[in-house]
Amino acid sequence: MARSAGCEPAATSALLITVDRIALMEPSKPVRRGESVEQVVRSIREGILKGRFAQGQRLIARDLTDSLGFSRSTLREAFGHLASEGLVDLIPNRGATVRRLSRREIEELFQIRELLEGLSARLAATRVAATRGRKPVQSVIAQIDPNVDLRQFHEQNLLVHGTLLELGGNQQLAQLMAKLNVPFVMGQVRQSMQAEQIARSQREHLEILRAVAAGDADASEAAMRRHLRSTGAWVMTLPESAFRTD
């Protein structure tokens, strides 16, 4: 789900960490160093989250300075910011590499997601029950199709989880979810998904959304937690090649 920030729900933006492409600089308008570092961070972050830079790929400083038009010192500072976000690893004498997560790290992240996104679904259902505001949820339900390709599934998956986060209205929860870099985590395993796994995940999404639309907080939380447990269990069946090995 990669739309511009102006037309994306706030919580979906938090979950996806949506970023714009690097802005074109006007020659007559100098950019301060802090601003240029942030532009480079945004551009590389977007490239990672959208799959232009593969996990495990080395980021070649010369290529990036040529394409982005900034100095190596600016690039090194940007790499430091991205490392603090958990998106790249800084390796002595090798530079920056797009981070890959270990099996244990992904397992632990799914355990955290089960709790946090279970709460997200509960809050969304509670809000729907209080306001009778089923329309946003029904709109998402109408878009969910079990028979989609991998790209469409990625978009619909983010739509489901982001919409519930927004409906719940808990900004602290949205910030915590943003720090988990869920699209980055899923990007590592998404290519392993087959039609059967996509269809199952979409059916689980529909179960969650229908419980939220009914305003049933208990059922919504339970359905979300089952969904994340089943997805996490599937991820754990993947071969070692899908994970970082230390």
C-alpha atoms as a PDB file:
ATOM      1  CA  MET A   1       0.000   0.000   0.000  1.00  0.00           C
ATOM      2  CA  ALA A   2       2.253   2.734  -1.176  1.00  0.00           C
ATOM      3  CA  ARG A   3       0.276   5.880  -1.665  1.00  0.00           C
ATOM      4  CA  SER A   4       1.321   9.429  -1.054  1.00  0.00           C
ATOM      5  CA  ALA A   5       1.201  10.671   2.537  1.00  0.00           C
ATOM      6  CA  GLY A   6      -1.572  13.102   1.689  1.00  0.00           C
ATOM      7  CA  CYS A   7      -4.093  10.410   0.820  1.00  0.00           C
ATOM      8  CA  GLU A   8      -3.040   7.682   3.283  1.00  0.00           C
ATOM      9  CA  PRO A   9      -4.696   7.203   6.699  1.00  0.00           C
ATOM     10  CA  ALA A  10      -2.418   8.452   9.462  1.00  0.00           C
ATOM     11  CA  ALA A  11      -2.067   5.085  11.163  1.00  0.00           C
ATOM     12  CA  THR A  12      -1.443   3.300   7.887  1.00  0.00           C
ATOM     13  CA  SER A  13       1.379   5.755   7.277  1.00  0.00           C
ATOM     14  CA  ALA A  14       2.738   4.933  10.726  1.00  0.00           C
ATOM     15  CA  LEU A  15       2.594   1.228  10.062  1.00  0.00           C
ATOM     16  CA  LEU A  16       4.065   1.436   6.591  1.00  0.00           C
ATOM     17  CA  ILE A  17       6.453   4.292   7.454  1.00  0.00           C
ATOM     18  CA  THR A  18       5.462   5.742   4.100  1.00  0.00           C
ATOM     19  CA  VAL A  19       8.065   8.130   2.639  1.00  0.00           C
ATOM     20  CA  ASP A  20       8.147  10.284  -0.449  1.00  0.00           C
ATOM     21  CA  ARG A  21      10.808  10.059  -3.094  1.00  0.00           C
ATOM     22  CA  ILE A  22      13.749  12.342  -2.564  1.00  0.00           C
ATOM     23  CA  ALA A  23      12.803  15.896  -3.484  1.00  0.00           C
ATOM     24  CA  LEU A  24      14.490  17.583  -6.435  1.00  0.00           C
ATOM     25  CA  MET A  25      16.746  20.341  -5.208  1.00  0.00           C
ATOM     26  CA  GLU A  26      16.501  23.794  -6.695  1.00  0.00           C
ATOM     27  CA  PRO A  27      19.997  25.093  -7.491  1.00  0.00           C
ATOM     28  CA  SER A  28      19.131  28.531  -6.145  1.00  0.00           C
ATOM     29  CA  LYS A  29      17.842  27.169  -2.829  1.00  0.00           C
ATOM     30  CA  PRO A  30      20.615  25.704  -0.653  1.00  0.00           C
ATOM     31  CA  VAL A  31      19.727  22.778   1.580  1.00  0.00           C
ATOM     32  CA  ARG A  32      21.099  22.669   5.106  1.00  0.00           C
ATOM     33  CA  ARG A  33      23.134  19.615   6.107  1.00  0.00           C
ATOM     34  CA  GLY A  34      20.485  18.258   8.482  1.00  0.00           C
ATOM     35  CA  GLU A  35      17.876  18.499   5.767  1.00  0.00           C
ATOM     36  CA  SER A  36      20.089  16.762   3.210  1.00  0.00           C
ATOM     37  CA  VAL A  37      20.788  13.869   5.611  1.00  0.00           C
ATOM     38  CA  GLU A  38      17.048  13.442   6.191  1.00  0.00           C
ATOM     39  CA  GLN A  39      16.408  13.424   2.449  1.00  0.00           C
ATOM     40  CA  VAL A  40      18.949  10.649   1.962  1.00  0.00           C
ATOM     41  CA  VAL A  41      17.497   8.698   4.910  1.00  0.00           C
ATOM     42  CA  ARG A  42      14.002   9.003   3.452  1.00  0.00           C
ATOM     43  CA  SER A  43      15.099   7.915  -0.008  1.00  0.00           C
ATOM     44  CA  ILE A  44      17.033   4.848   1.143  1.00  0.00           C
ATOM     45  CA  ARG A  45      14.347   3.908   3.677  1.00  0.00           C
ATOM     46  CA  GLU A  46      11.739   4.006   0.921  1.00  0.00           C
ATOM     47  CA  GLY A  47      13.947   1.867  -1.308  1.00  0.00           C
ATOM     48  CA  ILE A  48      14.271  -0.745   1.436  1.00  0.00           C
ATOM     49  CA  LEU A  49      10.587  -0.838   2.393  1.00  0.00           C
ATOM     50  CA  LYS A  50       9.447  -1.040  -1.232  1.00  0.00           C
ATOM     51  CA  GLY A  51      11.942  -3.747  -2.109  1.00  0.00           C
ATOM     52  CA  ARG A  52      14.238  -1.776  -4.416  1.00  0.00           C
ATOM     53  CA  PHE A  53      17.077  -2.718  -2.063  1.00  0.00           C
ATOM     54  CA  ALA A  54      16.941  -6.407  -1.124  1.00  0.00           C
ATOM     55  CA  GLN A  55      17.551  -7.576   2.415  1.00  0.00           C
ATOM     56  CA  GLY A  56      21.153  -8.656   2.699  1.00  0.00           C
ATOM     57  CA  GLN A  57      22.178  -6.346  -0.161  1.00  0.00           C
ATOM     58  CA  ARG A  58      25.266  -4.212   0.297  1.00  0.00           C
ATOM     59  CA  LEU A  59      24.608  -0.487  -0.207  1.00  0.00           C
ATOM     60  CA  ILE A  60      27.411   0.794  -2.433  1.00  0.00           C
ATOM     61  CA  ALA A  61      28.360   4.314  -1.351  1.00  0.00           C
ATOM     62  CA  ARG A  62      29.691   5.334  -4.776  1.00  0.00           C
ATOM     63  CA  ASP A  63      26.480   4.326  -6.548  1.00  0.00           C
ATOM     64  CA  LEU A  64      24.285   6.091  -4.001  1.00  0.00           C
ATOM     65  CA  THR A  65      26.289   9.317  -4.014  1.00  0.00           C
ATOM     66  CA  ASP A  66      26.055   9.368  -7.813  1.00  0.00           C
ATOM     67  CA  SER A  67      22.301   8.716  -7.893  1.00  0.00           C
ATOM     68  CA  LEU A  68      21.308  10.932  -4.954  1.00  0.00           C
ATOM     69  CA  GLY A  69      23.755  13.761  -5.527  1.00  0.00           C
ATOM     70  CA  PHE A  70      24.998  14.046  -1.940  1.00  0.00           C
ATOM     71  CA  SER A  71      28.458  13.659  -0.423  1.00  0.00           C
ATOM     72  CA  ARG A  72      29.850  10.515   1.164  1.00  0.00           C
ATOM     73  CA  SER A  73      29.903  12.185   4.567  1.00  0.00           C
ATOM     74  CA  THR A  74      26.160  12.896   4.255  1.00  0.00           C
ATOM     75  CA  LEU A  75      25.618   9.295   3.192  1.00  0.00           C
ATOM     76  CA  ARG A  76      27.603   7.941   6.156  1.00  0.00           C
ATOM     77  CA  GLU A  77      25.495  10.016   8.537  1.00  0.00           C
ATOM     78  CA  ALA A  78      22.318   8.759   6.852  1.00  0.00           C
ATOM     79  CA  PHE A  79      23.529   5.163   7.261  1.00  0.00           C
ATOM     80  CA  GLY A  80      23.907   5.830  10.986  1.00  0.00           C
ATOM     81  CA  HIS A  81      20.273   6.950  11.220  1.00  0.00           C
ATOM     82  CA  LEU A  82      19.086   3.899   9.270  1.00  0.00           C
ATOM     83  CA  ALA A  83      21.133   1.605  11.504  1.00  0.00           C
ATOM     84  CA  SER A  84      19.442   3.109  14.573  1.00  0.00           C
ATOM     85  CA  GLU A  85      16.074   2.283  12.964  1.00  0.00           C
ATOM     86  CA  GLY A  86      17.151  -1.316  12.480  1.00  0.00           C
ATOM     87  CA  LEU A  87      17.026  -1.153   8.687  1.00  0.00           C
ATOM     88  CA  VAL A  88      20.734  -1.518   7.911  1.00  0.00           C
ATOM     89  CA  ASP A  89      23.756  -3.147   9.500  1.00  0.00           C
ATOM     90  CA  LEU A  90      27.059  -1.259   9.588  1.00  0.00           C
ATOM     91  CA  ILE A  91      29.867  -3.742   9.004  1.00  0.00           C
ATOM     92  CA  PRO A  92      33.492  -2.693   9.621  1.00  0.00           C
ATOM     93  CA  ASN A  93      35.482  -2.431   6.366  1.00  0.00           C
ATOM     94  CA  ARG A  94      32.374  -3.328   4.328  1.00  0.00           C
ATOM     95  CA  GLY A  95      30.013  -0.398   4.882  1.00  0.00           C
ATOM     96  CA  ALA A  96      26.231  -0.677   5.108  1.00  0.00           C
ATOM     97  CA  THR A  97      24.112  -3.723   4.288  1.00  0.00           C
ATOM     98  CA  VAL A  98      20.332  -3.938   4.296  1.00  0.00           C
ATOM     99  CA  ARG A  99      19.505  -5.865   7.421  1.00  0.00           C
ATOM    100  CA  ARG A 100      18.155  -9.421   7.455  1.00  0.00           C
ATOM    101  CA  LEU A 101      16.508 -10.759  10.570  1.00  0.00           C
ATOM    102  CA  SER A 102      17.255 -14.079  12.216  1.00  0.00           C
ATOM    103  CA  ARG A 103      14.628 -16.741  12.791  1.00  0.00           C
ATOM    104  CA  ARG A 104      14.554 -15.900  16.496  1.00  0.00           C
ATOM    105  CA  GLU A 105      14.150 -12.158  15.878  1.00  0.00           C
ATOM    106  CA  ILE A 106      11.170 -12.709  13.585  1.00  0.00           C
ATOM    107  CA  GLU A 107       9.600 -15.178  16.009  1.00  0.00           C
ATOM    108  CA  GLU A 108       9.905 -12.657  18.832  1.00  0.00           C
ATOM    109  CA  LEU A 109       8.453  -9.876  16.677  1.00  0.00           C
ATOM    110  CA  PHE A 110       5.396 -11.999  15.895  1.00  0.00           C
ATOM    111  CA  GLN A 111       4.908 -12.589  19.616  1.00  0.00           C
ATOM    112  CA  ILE A 112       4.926  -8.827  20.159  1.00  0.00           C
ATOM    113  CA  ARG A 113       2.639  -8.213  17.185  1.00  0.00           C
ATOM    114  CA  GLU A 114       0.105 -10.696  18.526  1.00  0.00           C
ATOM    115  CA  LEU A 115      -0.302  -8.656  21.687  1.00  0.00           C
ATOM    116  CA  LEU A 116      -0.173  -5.186  20.140  1.00  0.00           C
ATOM    117  CA  GLU A 117      -2.355  -5.884  17.120  1.00  0.00           C
ATOM    118  CA  GLY A 118      -4.796  -7.870  19.233  1.00  0.00           C
ATOM    119  CA  LEU A 119      -5.220  -4.660  21.202  1.00  0.00           C
ATOM    120  CA  SER A 120      -5.507  -2.709  17.941  1.00  0.00           C
ATOM    121  CA  ALA A 121      -8.418  -4.899  16.786  1.00  0.00           C
ATOM    122  CA  ARG A 122     -10.091  -4.636  20.188  1.00  0.00           C
ATOM    123  CA  LEU A 123      -9.856  -0.845  20.191  1.00  0.00           C
ATOM    124  CA  ALA A 124     -11.210  -0.651  16.635  1.00  0.00           C
ATOM    125  CA  ALA A 125     -14.207  -2.826  17.510  1.00  0.00           C
ATOM    126  CA  THR A 126     -14.857  -0.796  20.663  1.00  0.00           C
ATOM    127  CA  ARG A 127     -14.825   2.409  18.637  1.00  0.00           C
ATOM    128  CA  VAL A 128     -17.204   0.937  16.044  1.00  0.00           C
ATOM    129  CA  ALA A 129     -19.584  -0.213  18.795  1.00  0.00           C
ATOM    130  CA  ALA A 130     -19.552   3.223  20.417  1.00  0.00           C
ATOM    131  CA  THR A 131     -20.038   5.236  17.239  1.00  0.00           C
ATOM    132  CA  ARG A 132     -21.800   2.735  14.962  1.00  0.00           C
ATOM    133  CA  GLY A 133     -19.119   3.695  12.464  1.00  0.00           C
ATOM    134  CA  ARG A 134     -19.065   0.477  10.444  1.00  0.00           C
ATOM    135  CA  LYS A 135     -18.630   2.157   7.058  1.00  0.00           C
ATOM    136  CA  PRO A 136     -14.788   2.292   6.981  1.00  0.00           C
ATOM    137  CA  VAL A 137     -14.572  -1.378   7.954  1.00  0.00           C
ATOM    138  CA  GLN A 138     -17.209  -2.422   5.436  1.00  0.00           C
ATOM    139  CA  SER A 139     -15.295  -0.521   2.763  1.00  0.00           C
ATOM    140  CA  VAL A 140     -12.171  -2.562   3.520  1.00  0.00           C
ATOM    141  CA  ILE A 141     -14.146  -5.823   3.607  1.00  0.00           C
ATOM    142  CA  ALA A 142     -15.380  -5.083   0.086  1.00  0.00           C
ATOM    143  CA  GLN A 143     -11.769  -4.863  -1.145  1.00  0.00           C
ATOM    144  CA  ILE A 144     -10.443  -8.092   0.363  1.00  0.00           C
ATOM    145  CA  ASP A 145     -10.088 -10.887  -2.175  1.00  0.00           C
ATOM    146  CA  PRO A 146      -8.528 -14.288  -1.337  1.00  0.00           C
ATOM    147  CA  ASN A 147      -7.511 -14.744  -4.989  1.00  0.00           C
ATOM    148  CA  VAL A 148      -4.962 -11.969  -5.391  1.00  0.00           C
ATOM    149  CA  ASP A 149      -1.341 -11.957  -6.451  1.00  0.00           C
ATOM    150  CA  LEU A 150       1.539 -11.212  -4.118  1.00  0.00           C
ATOM    151  CA  ARG A 151       1.650  -7.466  -4.865  1.00  0.00           C
ATOM    152  CA  GLN A 152      -2.086  -7.040  -4.308  1.00  0.00           C
ATOM    153  CA  PHE A 153      -1.916  -9.089  -1.126  1.00  0.00           C
ATOM    154  CA  HIS A 154       0.847  -6.845   0.222  1.00  0.00           C
ATOM    155  CA  GLU A 155      -1.334  -3.778  -0.383  1.00  0.00           C
ATOM    156  CA  GLN A 156      -4.471  -5.326   1.102  1.00  0.00           C
ATOM    157  CA  ASN A 157      -2.592  -6.695   4.102  1.00  0.00           C
ATOM    158  CA  LEU A 158      -1.313  -3.240   4.979  1.00  0.00           C
ATOM    159  CA  LEU A 159      -4.768  -1.785   4.379  1.00  0.00           C
ATOM    160  CA  VAL A 160      -6.362  -4.158   6.877  1.00  0.00           C
ATOM    161  CA  HIS A 161      -3.836  -3.702   9.660  1.00  0.00           C
ATOM    162  CA  GLY A 162      -3.441   0.036   9.086  1.00  0.00           C
ATOM    163  CA  THR A 163      -7.192   0.707   9.015  1.00  0.00           C
ATOM    164  CA  LEU A 164      -7.728  -1.060  12.333  1.00  0.00           C
ATOM    165  CA  LEU A 165      -4.844   0.851  13.883  1.00  0.00           C
ATOM    166  CA  GLU A 166      -6.343   4.124  12.697  1.00  0.00           C
ATOM    167  CA  LEU A 167      -9.846   3.252  13.856  1.00  0.00           C
ATOM    168  CA  GLY A 168      -8.569   2.409  17.328  1.00  0.00           C
ATOM    169  CA  GLY A 169      -7.241   5.947  17.637  1.00  0.00           C
ATOM    170  CA  ASN A 170      -4.389   5.129  20.039  1.00  0.00           C
ATOM    171  CA  GLN A 171      -1.438   7.211  18.878  1.00  0.00           C
ATOM    172  CA  GLN A 172       1.027   5.596  21.300  1.00  0.00           C
ATOM    173  CA  LEU A 173       0.124   2.203  19.887  1.00  0.00           C
ATOM    174  CA  ALA A 174       0.592   3.532  16.345  1.00  0.00           C
ATOM    175  CA  GLN A 175       4.067   4.769  17.263  1.00  0.00           C
ATOM    176  CA  LEU A 176       5.001   1.425  18.800  1.00  0.00           C
ATOM    177  CA  MET A 177       3.829  -0.389  15.667  1.00  0.00           C
ATOM    178  CA  ALA A 178       5.848   1.967  13.480  1.00  0.00           C
ATOM    179  CA  LYS A 179       8.996   1.074  15.423  1.00  0.00           C
ATOM    180  CA  LEU A 180       8.460  -2.603  14.633  1.00  0.00           C
ATOM    181  CA  ASN A 181       8.927  -1.898  10.900  1.00  0.00           C
ATOM    182  CA  VAL A 182       6.304  -4.516  10.012  1.00  0.00           C
ATOM    183  CA  PRO A 183       6.577  -4.054   6.193  1.00  0.00           C
ATOM    184  CA  PHE A 184      10.338  -4.538   6.476  1.00  0.00           C
ATOM    185  CA  VAL A 185       9.901  -7.731   8.489  1.00  0.00           C
ATOM    186  CA  MET A 186       7.273  -9.120   6.115  1.00  0.00           C
ATOM    187  CA  GLY A 187       9.384  -8.179   3.098  1.00  0.00           C
ATOM    188  CA  GLN A 188      11.931 -10.779   4.178  1.00  0.00           C
ATOM    189  CA  VAL A 189       9.418 -13.645   3.995  1.00  0.00           C
ATOM    190  CA  ARG A 190       6.789 -12.363   1.567  1.00  0.00           C
ATOM    191  CA  GLN A 191       8.410 -13.866  -1.515  1.00  0.00           C
ATOM    192  CA  SER A 192       7.967 -17.314   0.034  1.00  0.00           C
ATOM    193  CA  MET A 193       4.177 -16.950   0.126  1.00  0.00           C
ATOM    194  CA  GLN A 194       2.188 -19.173  -2.216  1.00  0.00           C
ATOM    195  CA  ALA A 195      -1.452 -18.858  -3.285  1.00  0.00           C
ATOM    196  CA  GLU A 196      -2.613 -21.162  -0.480  1.00  0.00           C
ATOM    197  CA  GLN A 197      -0.964 -19.029   2.202  1.00  0.00           C
ATOM    198  CA  ILE A 198      -2.304 -15.798   0.687  1.00  0.00           C
ATOM    199  CA  ALA A 199      -5.863 -17.165   0.548  1.00  0.00           C
ATOM    200  CA  ARG A 200      -5.711 -18.352   4.157  1.00  0.00           C
ATOM    201  CA  SER A 201      -4.406 -15.007   5.355  1.00  0.00           C
ATOM    202  CA  GLN A 202      -7.143 -13.165   3.465  1.00  0.00           C
ATOM    203  CA  ARG A 203      -9.852 -15.387   4.988  1.00  0.00           C
ATOM    204  CA  GLU A 204      -8.434 -14.587   8.408  1.00  0.00           C
ATOM    205  CA  HIS A 205      -8.478 -10.879   7.552  1.00  0.00           C
ATOM    206  CA  LEU A 206     -12.165 -11.133   6.676  1.00  0.00           C
ATOM    207  CA  GLU A 207     -12.913 -12.894   9.966  1.00  0.00           C
ATOM    208  CA  ILE A 208     -11.196 -10.077  11.873  1.00  0.00           C
ATOM    209  CA  LEU A 209     -12.919  -7.321   9.917  1.00  0.00           C
ATOM    210  CA  ARG A 210     -16.382  -8.840  10.314  1.00  0.00           C
ATOM    211  CA  ALA A 211     -15.905  -9.097  14.064  1.00  0.00           C
ATOM    212  CA  VAL A 212     -14.790  -5.448  14.158  1.00  0.00           C
ATOM    213  CA  ALA A 213     -17.762  -4.370  12.014  1.00  0.00           C
ATOM    214  CA  ALA A 214     -20.044  -6.142  14.489  1.00  0.00           C
ATOM    215  CA  GLY A 215     -18.454  -4.183  17.330  1.00  0.00           C
ATOM    216  CA  ASP A 216     -17.411  -7.397  19.106  1.00  0.00           C
ATOM    217  CA  ALA A 217     -14.187  -6.484  20.905  1.00  0.00           C
ATOM    218  CA  ASP A 218     -13.511  -9.956  22.331  1.00  0.00           C
ATOM    219  CA  ALA A 219     -14.009 -11.728  18.995  1.00  0.00           C
ATOM    220  CA  SER A 220     -11.944  -9.105  17.152  1.00  0.00           C
ATOM    221  CA  GLU A 221      -8.964  -9.447  19.461  1.00  0.00           C
ATOM    222  CA  ALA A 222      -9.174 -13.248  19.439  1.00  0.00           C
ATOM    223  CA  ALA A 223      -9.359 -13.389  15.621  1.00  0.00           C
ATOM    224  CA  MET A 224      -6.379 -11.058  15.225  1.00  0.00           C
ATOM    225  CA  ARG A 225      -4.299 -13.037  17.687  1.00  0.00           C
ATOM    226  CA  ARG A 226      -5.139 -16.311  15.918  1.00  0.00           C
ATOM    227  CA  HIS A 227      -4.191 -14.719  12.598  1.00  0.00           C
ATOM    228  CA  LEU A 228      -0.783 -13.599  13.804  1.00  0.00           C
ATOM    229  CA  ARG A 229      -0.098 -16.901  15.553  1.00  0.00           C
ATOM    230  CA  SER A 230      -0.911 -18.850  12.383  1.00  0.00           C
ATOM    231  CA  THR A 231       1.179 -16.508  10.206  1.00  0.00           C
ATOM    232  CA  GLY A 232       4.079 -16.669  12.645  1.00  0.00           C
ATOM    233  CA  ALA A 233       3.858 -20.470  12.752  1.00  0.00           C
ATOM    234  CA  TRP A 234       4.009 -20.586   8.955  1.00  0.00           C
ATOM    235  CA  VAL A 235       7.047 -18.288   8.897  1.00  0.00           C
ATOM    236  CA  MET A 236       8.825 -20.625  11.299  1.00  0.00           C
ATOM    237  CA  THR A 237       8.457 -23.468   8.766  1.00  0.00           C
ATOM    238  CA  LEU A 238      10.563 -21.615   6.187  1.00  0.00           C
ATOM    239  CA  PRO A 239      14.084 -22.899   5.419  1.00  0.00           C
ATOM    240  CA  GLU A 240      17.170 -21.369   7.008  1.00  0.00           C
ATOM    241  CA  SER A 241      17.912 -19.536   3.764  1.00  0.00           C
ATOM    242  CA  ALA A 242      15.004 -17.184   4.530  1.00  0.00           C
ATOM    243  CA  PHE A 243      16.737 -15.878   7.651  1.00  0.00           C
ATOM    244  CA  ARG A 244      19.986 -14.292   8.730  1.00  0.00           C
ATOM    245  CA  THR A 245      22.488 -16.760  10.101  1.00  0.00           C
ATOM    246  CA  ASP A 246      24.999 -15.471  12.620  1.00  0.00           C
END
